[in-house]
Amino acid sequence: MNLTRIAPALLLALGLAAPAAAQDFGPKTYAECVMVNAKRAVSRDGGMLMRRACKCRFQDAKAEECRAYSQAALDCMISNLVAAERDEQAWGVERACRTKLPKN
């Protein structure tokens, strides 16, 4: 076998197998975040909390409503609020993310 053919193929395979960061595939702007996530939220409060998380993550992290959240908590909310079917579940997700990933 020709080593010049195998080496590039092996390097390509290893490069593709490297783990990707979660944010590489997520939204990169407020508009993308709202379009992709908030519109999919099932509960009314879930949609509102998702828009808040998108705003705090991508637009205005210094706003009054954003002061309680770390960036990790906002990422947690963005990735988990879509599944909340009822308003109580959405607030539980918000509380869990805020409590588990507090702002330092």
N, C-alpha and C. Protein backbone atom coordinates (compact mmCIF):
# COMPACT_ATOMS: atom_id res chain seq x y z
N MET A 1 0.83 -1.19 0.00
CA MET A 1 0.00 0.00 0.00
C MET A 1 0.87 1.24 0.00
N ASN A 2 0.32 2.25 -0.55
CA ASN A 2 1.04 3.49 -0.67
C ASN A 2 0.80 4.35 0.58
N LEU A 3 1.85 4.66 1.32
CA LEU A 3 1.75 5.43 2.55
C LEU A 3 1.27 6.86 2.29
N THR A 4 1.55 7.39 1.14
CA THR A 4 1.13 8.76 0.83
C THR A 4 -0.38 8.87 0.67
N ARG A 5 -1.04 7.76 0.41
CA ARG A 5 -2.50 7.76 0.32
C ARG A 5 -3.13 7.50 1.67
N ILE A 6 -2.53 6.69 2.45
CA ILE A 6 -3.10 6.29 3.74
C ILE A 6 -2.95 7.40 4.78
N ALA A 7 -1.81 8.05 4.83
CA ALA A 7 -1.55 9.07 5.86
C ALA A 7 -2.56 10.22 5.81
N PRO A 8 -2.84 10.83 4.66
CA PRO A 8 -3.84 11.91 4.64
C PRO A 8 -5.24 11.43 5.02
N ALA A 9 -5.58 10.22 4.58
CA ALA A 9 -6.90 9.68 4.92
C ALA A 9 -7.01 9.44 6.42
N LEU A 10 -5.95 8.93 7.02
CA LEU A 10 -5.93 8.69 8.46
C LEU A 10 -6.02 10.01 9.23
N LEU A 11 -5.29 11.01 8.81
CA LEU A 11 -5.34 12.32 9.46
C LEU A 11 -6.73 12.95 9.34
N LEU A 12 -7.35 12.81 8.19
CA LEU A 12 -8.69 13.33 8.00
C LEU A 12 -9.68 12.62 8.92
N ALA A 13 -9.58 11.30 9.01
CA ALA A 13 -10.47 10.54 9.88
C ALA A 13 -10.29 10.93 11.34
N LEU A 14 -9.07 11.12 11.77
CA LEU A 14 -8.82 11.51 13.16
C LEU A 14 -9.31 12.94 13.42
N GLY A 15 -9.16 13.80 12.45
CA GLY A 15 -9.63 15.17 12.61
C GLY A 15 -11.14 15.26 12.71
N LEU A 16 -11.84 14.43 11.96
CA LEU A 16 -13.29 14.42 12.01
C LEU A 16 -13.81 13.77 13.28
N ALA A 17 -13.01 12.92 13.88
CA ALA A 17 -13.43 12.24 15.10
C ALA A 17 -13.24 13.09 16.34
N ALA A 18 -12.56 14.20 16.25
CA ALA A 18 -12.33 15.06 17.41
C ALA A 18 -13.66 15.62 17.90
N PRO A 19 -13.82 15.70 19.20
CA PRO A 19 -15.08 16.23 19.73
C PRO A 19 -15.27 17.70 19.39
N ALA A 20 -16.50 18.06 19.10
CA ALA A 20 -16.82 19.45 18.77
C ALA A 20 -17.45 20.13 19.98
N ALA A 21 -17.20 21.39 20.13
CA ALA A 21 -17.80 22.15 21.21
C ALA A 21 -19.30 22.31 20.93
N ALA A 22 -20.11 22.34 21.99
CA ALA A 22 -21.55 22.44 21.82
C ALA A 22 -21.96 23.73 21.13
N GLN A 23 -21.28 24.81 21.40
CA GLN A 23 -21.65 26.08 20.80
C GLN A 23 -21.33 26.16 19.31
N ASP A 24 -20.50 25.26 18.81
CA ASP A 24 -20.19 25.27 17.39
C ASP A 24 -21.42 25.03 16.53
N PHE A 25 -22.38 24.30 17.05
CA PHE A 25 -23.57 23.96 16.29
C PHE A 25 -24.79 24.74 16.72
N GLY A 26 -24.68 25.50 17.80
CA GLY A 26 -25.81 26.27 18.31
C GLY A 26 -25.93 27.62 17.64
N PRO A 27 -26.92 28.38 18.07
CA PRO A 27 -27.11 29.71 17.49
C PRO A 27 -25.94 30.64 17.81
N LYS A 28 -25.70 31.59 16.95
CA LYS A 28 -24.59 32.51 17.13
C LYS A 28 -25.05 33.95 17.32
N THR A 29 -26.34 34.22 17.11
CA THR A 29 -26.90 35.55 17.29
C THR A 29 -28.24 35.44 18.01
N TYR A 30 -28.72 36.58 18.50
CA TYR A 30 -30.03 36.61 19.16
C TYR A 30 -31.13 36.15 18.20
N ALA A 31 -31.11 36.65 16.99
CA ALA A 31 -32.15 36.29 16.02
C ALA A 31 -32.17 34.79 15.74
N GLU A 32 -31.01 34.20 15.57
CA GLU A 32 -30.93 32.74 15.35
C GLU A 32 -31.46 31.99 16.56
N CYS A 33 -31.08 32.45 17.74
CA CYS A 33 -31.49 31.79 18.98
C CYS A 33 -33.01 31.79 19.10
N VAL A 34 -33.63 32.94 18.88
CA VAL A 34 -35.08 33.03 18.99
C VAL A 34 -35.75 32.21 17.89
N MET A 35 -35.25 32.31 16.69
CA MET A 35 -35.87 31.60 15.57
C MET A 35 -35.79 30.08 15.77
N VAL A 36 -34.66 29.61 16.23
CA VAL A 36 -34.46 28.17 16.37
C VAL A 36 -35.12 27.62 17.63
N ASN A 37 -35.02 28.35 18.74
CA ASN A 37 -35.45 27.79 20.03
C ASN A 37 -36.76 28.32 20.57
N ALA A 38 -36.92 29.62 20.65
CA ALA A 38 -38.10 30.17 21.30
C ALA A 38 -39.38 29.82 20.54
N LYS A 39 -39.31 29.73 19.25
CA LYS A 39 -40.50 29.40 18.47
C LYS A 39 -40.88 27.93 18.61
N ARG A 40 -39.96 27.10 19.07
CA ARG A 40 -40.25 25.68 19.28
C ARG A 40 -40.76 25.39 20.67
N ALA A 41 -40.63 26.35 21.58
CA ALA A 41 -41.05 26.12 22.97
C ALA A 41 -42.55 25.83 22.99
N VAL A 42 -42.93 24.84 23.78
CA VAL A 42 -44.32 24.40 23.83
C VAL A 42 -45.14 25.28 24.76
N SER A 43 -44.62 25.57 25.93
CA SER A 43 -45.38 26.36 26.90
C SER A 43 -45.16 27.85 26.68
N ARG A 44 -46.13 28.64 27.10
CA ARG A 44 -46.04 30.10 26.94
C ARG A 44 -44.87 30.66 27.76
N ASP A 45 -44.76 30.26 29.02
CA ASP A 45 -43.66 30.74 29.86
C ASP A 45 -42.31 30.19 29.37
N GLY A 46 -42.32 29.00 28.80
CA GLY A 46 -41.08 28.44 28.23
C GLY A 46 -40.57 29.31 27.10
N GLY A 47 -41.48 29.79 26.26
CA GLY A 47 -41.09 30.68 25.17
C GLY A 47 -40.56 32.00 25.69
N MET A 48 -41.22 32.53 26.73
CA MET A 48 -40.78 33.80 27.32
C MET A 48 -39.40 33.64 27.96
N LEU A 49 -39.19 32.56 28.69
CA LEU A 49 -37.90 32.32 29.33
C LEU A 49 -36.81 32.07 28.29
N MET A 50 -37.18 31.43 27.19
CA MET A 50 -36.21 31.18 26.12
C MET A 50 -35.80 32.50 25.47
N ARG A 51 -36.75 33.39 25.22
CA ARG A 51 -36.40 34.69 24.66
C ARG A 51 -35.51 35.48 25.63
N ARG A 52 -35.79 35.37 26.93
CA ARG A 52 -34.95 36.03 27.92
C ARG A 52 -33.54 35.45 27.88
N ALA A 53 -33.42 34.13 27.82
CA ALA A 53 -32.10 33.49 27.78
C ALA A 53 -31.35 33.91 26.52
N CYS A 54 -32.05 33.99 25.39
CA CYS A 54 -31.41 34.42 24.15
C CYS A 54 -30.94 35.86 24.26
N LYS A 55 -31.78 36.71 24.84
CA LYS A 55 -31.43 38.12 25.00
C LYS A 55 -30.20 38.26 25.89
N CYS A 56 -30.21 37.57 27.03
CA CYS A 56 -29.10 37.68 27.97
C CYS A 56 -27.82 37.07 27.41
N ARG A 57 -27.95 36.03 26.62
CA ARG A 57 -26.78 35.35 26.07
C ARG A 57 -26.16 36.12 24.91
N PHE A 58 -26.99 36.72 24.06
CA PHE A 58 -26.48 37.29 22.81
C PHE A 58 -26.62 38.81 22.69
N GLN A 59 -27.47 39.45 23.49
CA GLN A 59 -27.69 40.88 23.29
C GLN A 59 -27.21 41.74 24.44
N ASP A 60 -27.83 41.61 25.60
CA ASP A 60 -27.60 42.55 26.69
C ASP A 60 -27.41 41.82 28.01
N ALA A 61 -26.21 41.33 28.24
CA ALA A 61 -25.92 40.57 29.46
C ALA A 61 -25.97 41.43 30.72
N LYS A 62 -25.94 42.75 30.56
CA LYS A 62 -25.96 43.64 31.73
C LYS A 62 -27.35 44.14 32.08
N ALA A 63 -28.37 43.70 31.36
CA ALA A 63 -29.74 44.10 31.67
C ALA A 63 -30.13 43.58 33.05
N GLU A 64 -31.07 44.26 33.68
CA GLU A 64 -31.51 43.91 35.03
C GLU A 64 -31.96 42.44 35.11
N GLU A 65 -32.73 42.01 34.14
CA GLU A 65 -33.26 40.64 34.17
C GLU A 65 -32.19 39.58 33.91
N CYS A 66 -31.01 40.01 33.48
CA CYS A 66 -29.94 39.07 33.15
C CYS A 66 -28.92 38.89 34.27
N ARG A 67 -28.99 39.72 35.28
CA ARG A 67 -27.96 39.71 36.32
C ARG A 67 -27.88 38.42 37.13
N ALA A 68 -28.95 37.67 37.16
CA ALA A 68 -28.97 36.45 37.97
C ALA A 68 -28.37 35.24 37.26
N TYR A 69 -28.04 35.37 35.98
CA TYR A 69 -27.64 34.21 35.19
C TYR A 69 -26.17 34.25 34.77
N SER A 70 -25.51 33.11 34.92
CA SER A 70 -24.17 32.95 34.34
C SER A 70 -24.34 32.54 32.88
N GLN A 71 -23.28 32.64 32.11
CA GLN A 71 -23.35 32.22 30.70
C GLN A 71 -23.67 30.72 30.61
N ALA A 72 -23.12 29.93 31.53
CA ALA A 72 -23.41 28.49 31.54
C ALA A 72 -24.88 28.23 31.85
N ALA A 73 -25.47 29.01 32.75
CA ALA A 73 -26.89 28.85 33.08
C ALA A 73 -27.75 29.21 31.87
N LEU A 74 -27.37 30.24 31.14
CA LEU A 74 -28.12 30.62 29.94
C LEU A 74 -28.04 29.53 28.88
N ASP A 75 -26.86 28.95 28.70
CA ASP A 75 -26.72 27.83 27.75
C ASP A 75 -27.58 26.66 28.19
N CYS A 76 -27.61 26.40 29.48
CA CYS A 76 -28.44 25.33 30.05
C CYS A 76 -29.91 25.58 29.73
N MET A 77 -30.36 26.81 29.95
CA MET A 77 -31.76 27.15 29.67
C MET A 77 -32.08 27.01 28.19
N ILE A 78 -31.19 27.50 27.34
CA ILE A 78 -31.43 27.44 25.90
C ILE A 78 -31.54 25.98 25.43
N SER A 79 -30.73 25.11 25.99
CA SER A 79 -30.76 23.72 25.53
C SER A 79 -31.87 22.89 26.18
N ASN A 80 -32.46 23.35 27.29
CA ASN A 80 -33.45 22.52 27.99
C ASN A 80 -34.87 23.06 28.03
N LEU A 81 -35.08 24.32 27.75
CA LEU A 81 -36.43 24.88 27.86
C LEU A 81 -37.39 24.40 26.79
N VAL A 82 -36.90 24.01 25.65
CA VAL A 82 -37.78 23.58 24.56
C VAL A 82 -38.62 22.38 24.98
N ALA A 83 -38.07 21.52 25.79
CA ALA A 83 -38.76 20.29 26.18
C ALA A 83 -39.85 20.52 27.24
N ALA A 84 -39.87 21.69 27.87
CA ALA A 84 -40.86 21.95 28.93
C ALA A 84 -42.25 22.11 28.31
N GLU A 85 -43.15 21.22 28.66
CA GLU A 85 -44.49 21.23 28.07
C GLU A 85 -45.45 22.15 28.83
N ARG A 86 -45.19 22.35 30.11
CA ARG A 86 -46.08 23.19 30.93
C ARG A 86 -45.27 24.33 31.53
N ASP A 87 -45.98 25.40 31.90
CA ASP A 87 -45.32 26.56 32.46
C ASP A 87 -44.52 26.22 33.72
N GLU A 88 -45.08 25.34 34.56
CA GLU A 88 -44.38 24.96 35.79
C GLU A 88 -43.05 24.26 35.48
N GLN A 89 -43.04 23.45 34.45
CA GLN A 89 -41.81 22.76 34.05
C GLN A 89 -40.78 23.77 33.55
N ALA A 90 -41.22 24.77 32.80
CA ALA A 90 -40.30 25.79 32.29
C ALA A 90 -39.64 26.54 33.44
N TRP A 91 -40.43 26.91 34.44
CA TRP A 91 -39.85 27.62 35.59
C TRP A 91 -38.93 26.69 36.38
N GLY A 92 -39.22 25.39 36.40
CA GLY A 92 -38.33 24.43 37.06
C GLY A 92 -36.99 24.34 36.34
N VAL A 93 -37.01 24.36 35.01
CA VAL A 93 -35.77 24.35 34.23
C VAL A 93 -34.96 25.61 34.52
N GLU A 94 -35.64 26.76 34.53
CA GLU A 94 -34.96 28.03 34.80
C GLU A 94 -34.29 27.99 36.18
N ARG A 95 -35.04 27.54 37.17
CA ARG A 95 -34.52 27.48 38.54
C ARG A 95 -33.36 26.49 38.66
N ALA A 96 -33.50 25.35 38.01
CA ALA A 96 -32.43 24.33 38.07
C ALA A 96 -31.15 24.84 37.42
N CYS A 97 -31.27 25.46 36.27
CA CYS A 97 -30.08 25.98 35.58
C CYS A 97 -29.43 27.09 36.39
N ARG A 98 -30.25 28.01 36.93
CA ARG A 98 -29.73 29.13 37.72
C ARG A 98 -29.06 28.65 38.99
N THR A 99 -29.64 27.63 39.63
CA THR A 99 -29.11 27.11 40.89
C THR A 99 -27.86 26.24 40.67
N LYS A 100 -27.92 25.39 39.66
CA LYS A 100 -26.80 24.48 39.40
C LYS A 100 -25.57 25.22 38.85
N LEU A 101 -25.80 26.28 38.09
CA LEU A 101 -24.72 27.02 37.44
C LEU A 101 -24.78 28.49 37.85
N PRO A 102 -24.50 28.78 39.14
CA PRO A 102 -24.67 30.16 39.62
C PRO A 102 -23.65 31.12 39.04
N LYS A 103 -24.04 32.38 39.08
CA LYS A 103 -23.13 33.44 38.63
C LYS A 103 -22.16 33.72 39.78
N ASN A 104 -20.89 33.75 39.47
CA ASN A 104 -19.88 33.96 40.52
C ASN A 104 -19.75 35.39 40.90
